[in-house]
Amino acid sequence: MGSTIVSLDYLIGDGQNVSFDKKIIQRIKDIQNLDNETQSILFNLIDTYVQNFKAKQAFSQ
């Protein structure tokens, strides 16, 4: 699987980053500096937690 490098501004939308927590922005920047394999592992972990959270929300309604 190939990876594409995009800017943080592209990911969050131009001018919208002021509404994001500064700690989250810093973590994203730190992840951006990691090697591709480590990024992939972290993104898979994040995706798993986000999907789990969304599923719990969907079933609790």
PDB file of N, CA and C in Angstrom:
ATOM      1  N   MET A   1       0.850  -1.172   0.000  1.00  0.00           N
ATOM      2  CA  MET A   1       0.000   0.000   0.000  1.00  0.00           C
ATOM      3  C   MET A   1       0.896   1.235   0.000  1.00  0.00           C
ATOM      4  N   GLY A   2       0.718   2.119  -0.955  1.00  0.00           N
ATOM      5  CA  GLY A   2       1.501   3.346  -1.032  1.00  0.00           C
ATOM      6  C   GLY A   2       0.941   4.407  -0.104  1.00  0.00           C
ATOM      7  N   SER A   3       1.737   5.387   0.161  1.00  0.00           N
ATOM      8  CA  SER A   3       1.273   6.471   1.018  1.00  0.00           C
ATOM      9  C   SER A   3       1.448   7.794   0.283  1.00  0.00           C
ATOM     10  N   THR A   4       0.563   8.705   0.591  1.00  0.00           N
ATOM     11  CA  THR A   4       0.605  10.032   0.007  1.00  0.00           C
ATOM     12  C   THR A   4       0.829  11.032   1.120  1.00  0.00           C
ATOM     13  N   ILE A   5       1.719  11.956   0.907  1.00  0.00           N
ATOM     14  CA  ILE A   5       1.996  12.979   1.906  1.00  0.00           C
ATOM     15  C   ILE A   5       1.155  14.204   1.571  1.00  0.00           C
ATOM     16  N   VAL A   6       0.390  14.649   2.561  1.00  0.00           N
ATOM     17  CA  VAL A   6      -0.413  15.860   2.402  1.00  0.00           C
ATOM     18  C   VAL A   6      -0.145  16.772   3.587  1.00  0.00           C
ATOM     19  N   SER A   7      -0.420  18.042   3.400  1.00  0.00           N
ATOM     20  CA  SER A   7      -0.175  18.992   4.485  1.00  0.00           C
ATOM     21  C   SER A   7      -1.272  18.899   5.535  1.00  0.00           C
ATOM     22  N   LEU A   8      -0.955  19.337   6.718  1.00  0.00           N
ATOM     23  CA  LEU A   8      -1.927  19.382   7.801  1.00  0.00           C
ATOM     24  C   LEU A   8      -3.094  20.286   7.423  1.00  0.00           C
ATOM     25  N   ASP A   9      -2.808  21.420   6.769  1.00  0.00           N
ATOM     26  CA  ASP A   9      -3.873  22.327   6.328  1.00  0.00           C
ATOM     27  C   ASP A   9      -4.849  21.621   5.399  1.00  0.00           C
ATOM     28  N   TYR A  10      -4.334  20.780   4.503  1.00  0.00           N
ATOM     29  CA  TYR A  10      -5.201  20.041   3.592  1.00  0.00           C
ATOM     30  C   TYR A  10      -6.118  19.101   4.372  1.00  0.00           C
ATOM     31  N   LEU A  11      -5.571  18.422   5.372  1.00  0.00           N
ATOM     32  CA  LEU A  11      -6.345  17.454   6.136  1.00  0.00           C
ATOM     33  C   LEU A  11      -7.457  18.091   6.955  1.00  0.00           C
ATOM     34  N   ILE A  12      -7.203  19.240   7.510  1.00  0.00           N
ATOM     35  CA  ILE A  12      -8.189  19.835   8.407  1.00  0.00           C
ATOM     36  C   ILE A  12      -8.906  21.031   7.804  1.00  0.00           C
ATOM     37  N   GLY A  13      -8.544  21.421   6.615  1.00  0.00           N
ATOM     38  CA  GLY A  13      -9.210  22.547   5.964  1.00  0.00           C
ATOM     39  C   GLY A  13      -8.519  23.851   6.279  1.00  0.00           C
ATOM     40  N   ASP A  14      -8.347  24.667   5.280  1.00  0.00           N
ATOM     41  CA  ASP A  14      -7.645  25.937   5.422  1.00  0.00           C
ATOM     42  C   ASP A  14      -8.337  26.838   6.434  1.00  0.00           C
ATOM     43  N   GLY A  15      -7.607  27.271   7.440  1.00  0.00           N
ATOM     44  CA  GLY A  15      -8.131  28.220   8.414  1.00  0.00           C
ATOM     45  C   GLY A  15      -8.985  27.608   9.504  1.00  0.00           C
ATOM     46  N   GLN A  16      -9.241  26.318   9.439  1.00  0.00           N
ATOM     47  CA  GLN A  16     -10.089  25.684  10.449  1.00  0.00           C
ATOM     48  C   GLN A  16      -9.303  25.151  11.633  1.00  0.00           C
ATOM     49  N   ASN A  17      -7.982  25.101  11.513  1.00  0.00           N
ATOM     50  CA  ASN A  17      -7.186  24.493  12.575  1.00  0.00           C
ATOM     51  C   ASN A  17      -7.232  25.264  13.888  1.00  0.00           C
ATOM     52  N   VAL A  18      -7.716  26.486  13.891  1.00  0.00           N
ATOM     53  CA  VAL A  18      -7.806  27.235  15.137  1.00  0.00           C
ATOM     54  C   VAL A  18      -8.810  26.605  16.090  1.00  0.00           C
ATOM     55  N   SER A  19      -9.735  25.788  15.579  1.00  0.00           N
ATOM     56  CA  SER A  19     -10.733  25.162  16.432  1.00  0.00           C
ATOM     57  C   SER A  19     -10.273  23.812  16.982  1.00  0.00           C
ATOM     58  N   PHE A  20      -9.085  23.345  16.587  1.00  0.00           N
ATOM     59  CA  PHE A  20      -8.581  22.077  17.065  1.00  0.00           C
ATOM     60  C   PHE A  20      -7.680  22.290  18.279  1.00  0.00           C
ATOM     61  N   ASP A  21      -7.712  21.335  19.171  1.00  0.00           N
ATOM     62  CA  ASP A  21      -6.878  21.345  20.360  1.00  0.00           C
ATOM     63  C   ASP A  21      -5.408  21.372  19.939  1.00  0.00           C
ATOM     64  N   LYS A  22      -4.629  22.247  20.534  1.00  0.00           N
ATOM     65  CA  LYS A  22      -3.214  22.386  20.176  1.00  0.00           C
ATOM     66  C   LYS A  22      -2.430  21.107  20.429  1.00  0.00           C
ATOM     67  N   LYS A  23      -2.816  20.338  21.449  1.00  0.00           N
ATOM     68  CA  LYS A  23      -2.129  19.077  21.729  1.00  0.00           C
ATOM     69  C   LYS A  23      -2.372  18.072  20.606  1.00  0.00           C
ATOM     70  N   ILE A  24      -3.576  18.072  20.055  1.00  0.00           N
ATOM     71  CA  ILE A  24      -3.888  17.167  18.954  1.00  0.00           C
ATOM     72  C   ILE A  24      -3.086  17.554  17.721  1.00  0.00           C
ATOM     73  N   ILE A  25      -3.037  18.839  17.430  1.00  0.00           N
ATOM     74  CA  ILE A  25      -2.269  19.322  16.280  1.00  0.00           C
ATOM     75  C   ILE A  25      -0.798  18.932  16.429  1.00  0.00           C
ATOM     76  N   GLN A  26      -0.238  19.091  17.613  1.00  0.00           N
ATOM     77  CA  GLN A  26       1.167  18.736  17.831  1.00  0.00           C
ATOM     78  C   GLN A  26       1.388  17.244  17.640  1.00  0.00           C
ATOM     79  N   ARG A  27       0.452  16.433  18.106  1.00  0.00           N
ATOM     80  CA  ARG A  27       0.584  14.985  17.933  1.00  0.00           C
ATOM     81  C   ARG A  27       0.542  14.601  16.464  1.00  0.00           C
ATOM     82  N   ILE A  28      -0.320  15.247  15.702  1.00  0.00           N
ATOM     83  CA  ILE A  28      -0.387  14.977  14.263  1.00  0.00           C
ATOM     84  C   ILE A  28       0.936  15.349  13.606  1.00  0.00           C
ATOM     85  N   LYS A  29       1.492  16.481  13.989  1.00  0.00           N
ATOM     86  CA  LYS A  29       2.789  16.886  13.438  1.00  0.00           C
ATOM     87  C   LYS A  29       3.879  15.884  13.811  1.00  0.00           C
ATOM     88  N   ASP A  30       3.849  15.396  15.037  1.00  0.00           N
ATOM     89  CA  ASP A  30       4.838  14.408  15.471  1.00  0.00           C
ATOM     90  C   ASP A  30       4.696  13.114  14.676  1.00  0.00           C
ATOM     91  N   ILE A  31       3.471  12.669  14.465  1.00  0.00           N
ATOM     92  CA  ILE A  31       3.224  11.455  13.691  1.00  0.00           C
ATOM     93  C   ILE A  31       3.724  11.629  12.268  1.00  0.00           C
ATOM     94  N   GLN A  32       3.552  12.815  11.722  1.00  0.00           N
ATOM     95  CA  GLN A  32       3.970  13.096  10.352  1.00  0.00           C
ATOM     96  C   GLN A  32       5.477  12.892  10.174  1.00  0.00           C
ATOM     97  N   ASN A  33       6.243  13.021  11.246  1.00  0.00           N
ATOM     98  CA  ASN A  33       7.698  12.866  11.179  1.00  0.00           C
ATOM     99  C   ASN A  33       8.170  11.421  11.358  1.00  0.00           C
ATOM    100  N   LEU A  34       7.254  10.516  11.668  1.00  0.00           N
ATOM    101  CA  LEU A  34       7.617   9.115  11.879  1.00  0.00           C
ATOM    102  C   LEU A  34       7.747   8.388  10.546  1.00  0.00           C
ATOM    103  N   ASP A  35       8.392   7.226  10.578  1.00  0.00           N
ATOM    104  CA  ASP A  35       8.516   6.418   9.364  1.00  0.00           C
ATOM    105  C   ASP A  35       7.137   5.862   8.967  1.00  0.00           C
ATOM    106  N   ASN A  36       7.001   5.489   7.704  1.00  0.00           N
ATOM    107  CA  ASN A  36       5.711   5.055   7.162  1.00  0.00           C
ATOM    108  C   ASN A  36       5.125   3.854   7.889  1.00  0.00           C
ATOM    109  N   GLU A  37       5.965   2.904   8.267  1.00  0.00           N
ATOM    110  CA  GLU A  37       5.469   1.709   8.952  1.00  0.00           C
ATOM    111  C   GLU A  37       4.866   2.073  10.312  1.00  0.00           C
ATOM    112  N   THR A  38       5.540   2.916  11.058  1.00  0.00           N
ATOM    113  CA  THR A  38       5.032   3.337  12.361  1.00  0.00           C
ATOM    114  C   THR A  38       3.752   4.155  12.201  1.00  0.00           C
ATOM    115  N   GLN A  39       3.716   5.025  11.202  1.00  0.00           N
ATOM    116  CA  GLN A  39       2.496   5.789  10.927  1.00  0.00           C
ATOM    117  C   GLN A  39       1.335   4.851  10.651  1.00  0.00           C
ATOM    118  N   SER A  40       1.568   3.840   9.843  1.00  0.00           N
ATOM    119  CA  SER A  40       0.520   2.890   9.495  1.00  0.00           C
ATOM    120  C   SER A  40      -0.011   2.177  10.736  1.00  0.00           C
ATOM    121  N   ILE A  41       0.883   1.764  11.603  1.00  0.00           N
ATOM    122  CA  ILE A  41       0.477   1.100  12.845  1.00  0.00           C
ATOM    123  C   ILE A  41      -0.375   2.040  13.693  1.00  0.00           C
ATOM    124  N   LEU A  42       0.078   3.275  13.846  1.00  0.00           N
ATOM    125  CA  LEU A  42      -0.671   4.241  14.651  1.00  0.00           C
ATOM    126  C   LEU A  42      -2.034   4.549  14.043  1.00  0.00           C
ATOM    127  N   PHE A  43      -2.089   4.730  12.722  1.00  0.00           N
ATOM    128  CA  PHE A  43      -3.364   5.021  12.069  1.00  0.00           C
ATOM    129  C   PHE A  43      -4.325   3.852  12.189  1.00  0.00           C
ATOM    130  N   ASN A  44      -3.819   2.621  12.085  1.00  0.00           N
ATOM    131  CA  ASN A  44      -4.685   1.452  12.280  1.00  0.00           C
ATOM    132  C   ASN A  44      -5.239   1.410  13.696  1.00  0.00           C
ATOM    133  N   LEU A  45      -4.407   1.718  14.666  1.00  0.00           N
ATOM    134  CA  LEU A  45      -4.842   1.754  16.054  1.00  0.00           C
ATOM    135  C   LEU A  45      -5.896   2.841  16.268  1.00  0.00           C
ATOM    136  N   ILE A  46      -5.638   4.018  15.749  1.00  0.00           N
ATOM    137  CA  ILE A  46      -6.586   5.128  15.869  1.00  0.00           C
ATOM    138  C   ILE A  46      -7.904   4.766  15.193  1.00  0.00           C
ATOM    139  N   ASP A  47      -7.830   4.207  13.974  1.00  0.00           N
ATOM    140  CA  ASP A  47      -9.041   3.822  13.248  1.00  0.00           C
ATOM    141  C   ASP A  47      -9.871   2.823  14.039  1.00  0.00           C
ATOM    142  N   THR A  48      -9.207   1.859  14.670  1.00  0.00           N
ATOM    143  CA  THR A  48      -9.902   0.856  15.471  1.00  0.00           C
ATOM    144  C   THR A  48     -10.656   1.506  16.624  1.00  0.00           C
ATOM    145  N   TYR A  49     -10.011   2.393  17.342  1.00  0.00           N
ATOM    146  CA  TYR A  49     -10.665   3.073  18.463  1.00  0.00           C
ATOM    147  C   TYR A  49     -11.814   3.959  17.995  1.00  0.00           C
ATOM    148  N   VAL A  50     -11.637   4.660  16.887  1.00  0.00           N
ATOM    149  CA  VAL A  50     -12.692   5.533  16.363  1.00  0.00           C
ATOM    150  C   VAL A  50     -13.894   4.700  15.918  1.00  0.00           C
ATOM    151  N   GLN A  51     -13.645   3.601  15.210  1.00  0.00           N
ATOM    152  CA  GLN A  51     -14.740   2.731  14.774  1.00  0.00           C
ATOM    153  C   GLN A  51     -15.481   2.147  15.968  1.00  0.00           C
ATOM    154  N   ASN A  52     -14.743   1.739  16.990  1.00  0.00           N
ATOM    155  CA  ASN A  52     -15.349   1.202  18.202  1.00  0.00           C
ATOM    156  C   ASN A  52     -16.223   2.255  18.880  1.00  0.00           C
ATOM    157  N   PHE A  53     -15.724   3.470  18.966  1.00  0.00           N
ATOM    158  CA  PHE A  53     -16.475   4.569  19.573  1.00  0.00           C
ATOM    159  C   PHE A  53     -17.767   4.839  18.804  1.00  0.00           C
ATOM    160  N   LYS A  54     -17.658   4.885  17.462  1.00  0.00           N
ATOM    161  CA  LYS A  54     -18.837   5.155  16.624  1.00  0.00           C
ATOM    162  C   LYS A  54     -19.857   4.022  16.747  1.00  0.00           C
ATOM    163  N   ALA A  55     -19.384   2.782  16.820  1.00  0.00           N
ATOM    164  CA  ALA A  55     -20.299   1.658  16.968  1.00  0.00           C
ATOM    165  C   ALA A  55     -21.026   1.721  18.302  1.00  0.00           C
ATOM    166  N   LYS A  56     -20.315   2.050  19.355  1.00  0.00           N
ATOM    167  CA  LYS A  56     -20.958   2.177  20.671  1.00  0.00           C
ATOM    168  C   LYS A  56     -22.008   3.284  20.650  1.00  0.00           C
ATOM    169  N   GLN A  57     -21.715   4.397  19.989  1.00  0.00           N
ATOM    170  CA  GLN A  57     -22.670   5.495  19.885  1.00  0.00           C
ATOM    171  C   GLN A  57     -23.904   5.053  19.107  1.00  0.00           C
ATOM    172  N   ALA A  58     -23.704   4.345  18.016  1.00  0.00           N
ATOM    173  CA  ALA A  58     -24.811   3.929  17.170  1.00  0.00           C
ATOM    174  C   ALA A  58     -25.736   2.964  17.907  1.00  0.00           C
ATOM    175  N   PHE A  59     -25.170   2.062  18.700  1.00  0.00           N
ATOM    176  CA  PHE A  59     -25.976   1.080  19.412  1.00  0.00           C
ATOM    177  C   PHE A  59     -26.608   1.633  20.673  1.00  0.00           C
ATOM    178  N   SER A  60     -26.124   2.752  21.168  1.00  0.00           N
ATOM    179  CA  SER A  60     -26.675   3.316  22.401  1.00  0.00           C
ATOM    180  C   SER A  60     -27.859   4.231  22.136  1.00  0.00           C
ATOM    181  N   GLN A  61     -28.147   4.506  20.874  1.00  0.00           N
ATOM    182  CA  GLN A  61     -29.245   5.427  20.554  1.00  0.00           C
ATOM    183  C   GLN A  61     -30.540   4.711  20.380  1.00  0.00           C
TER     184      GLN A  61
END
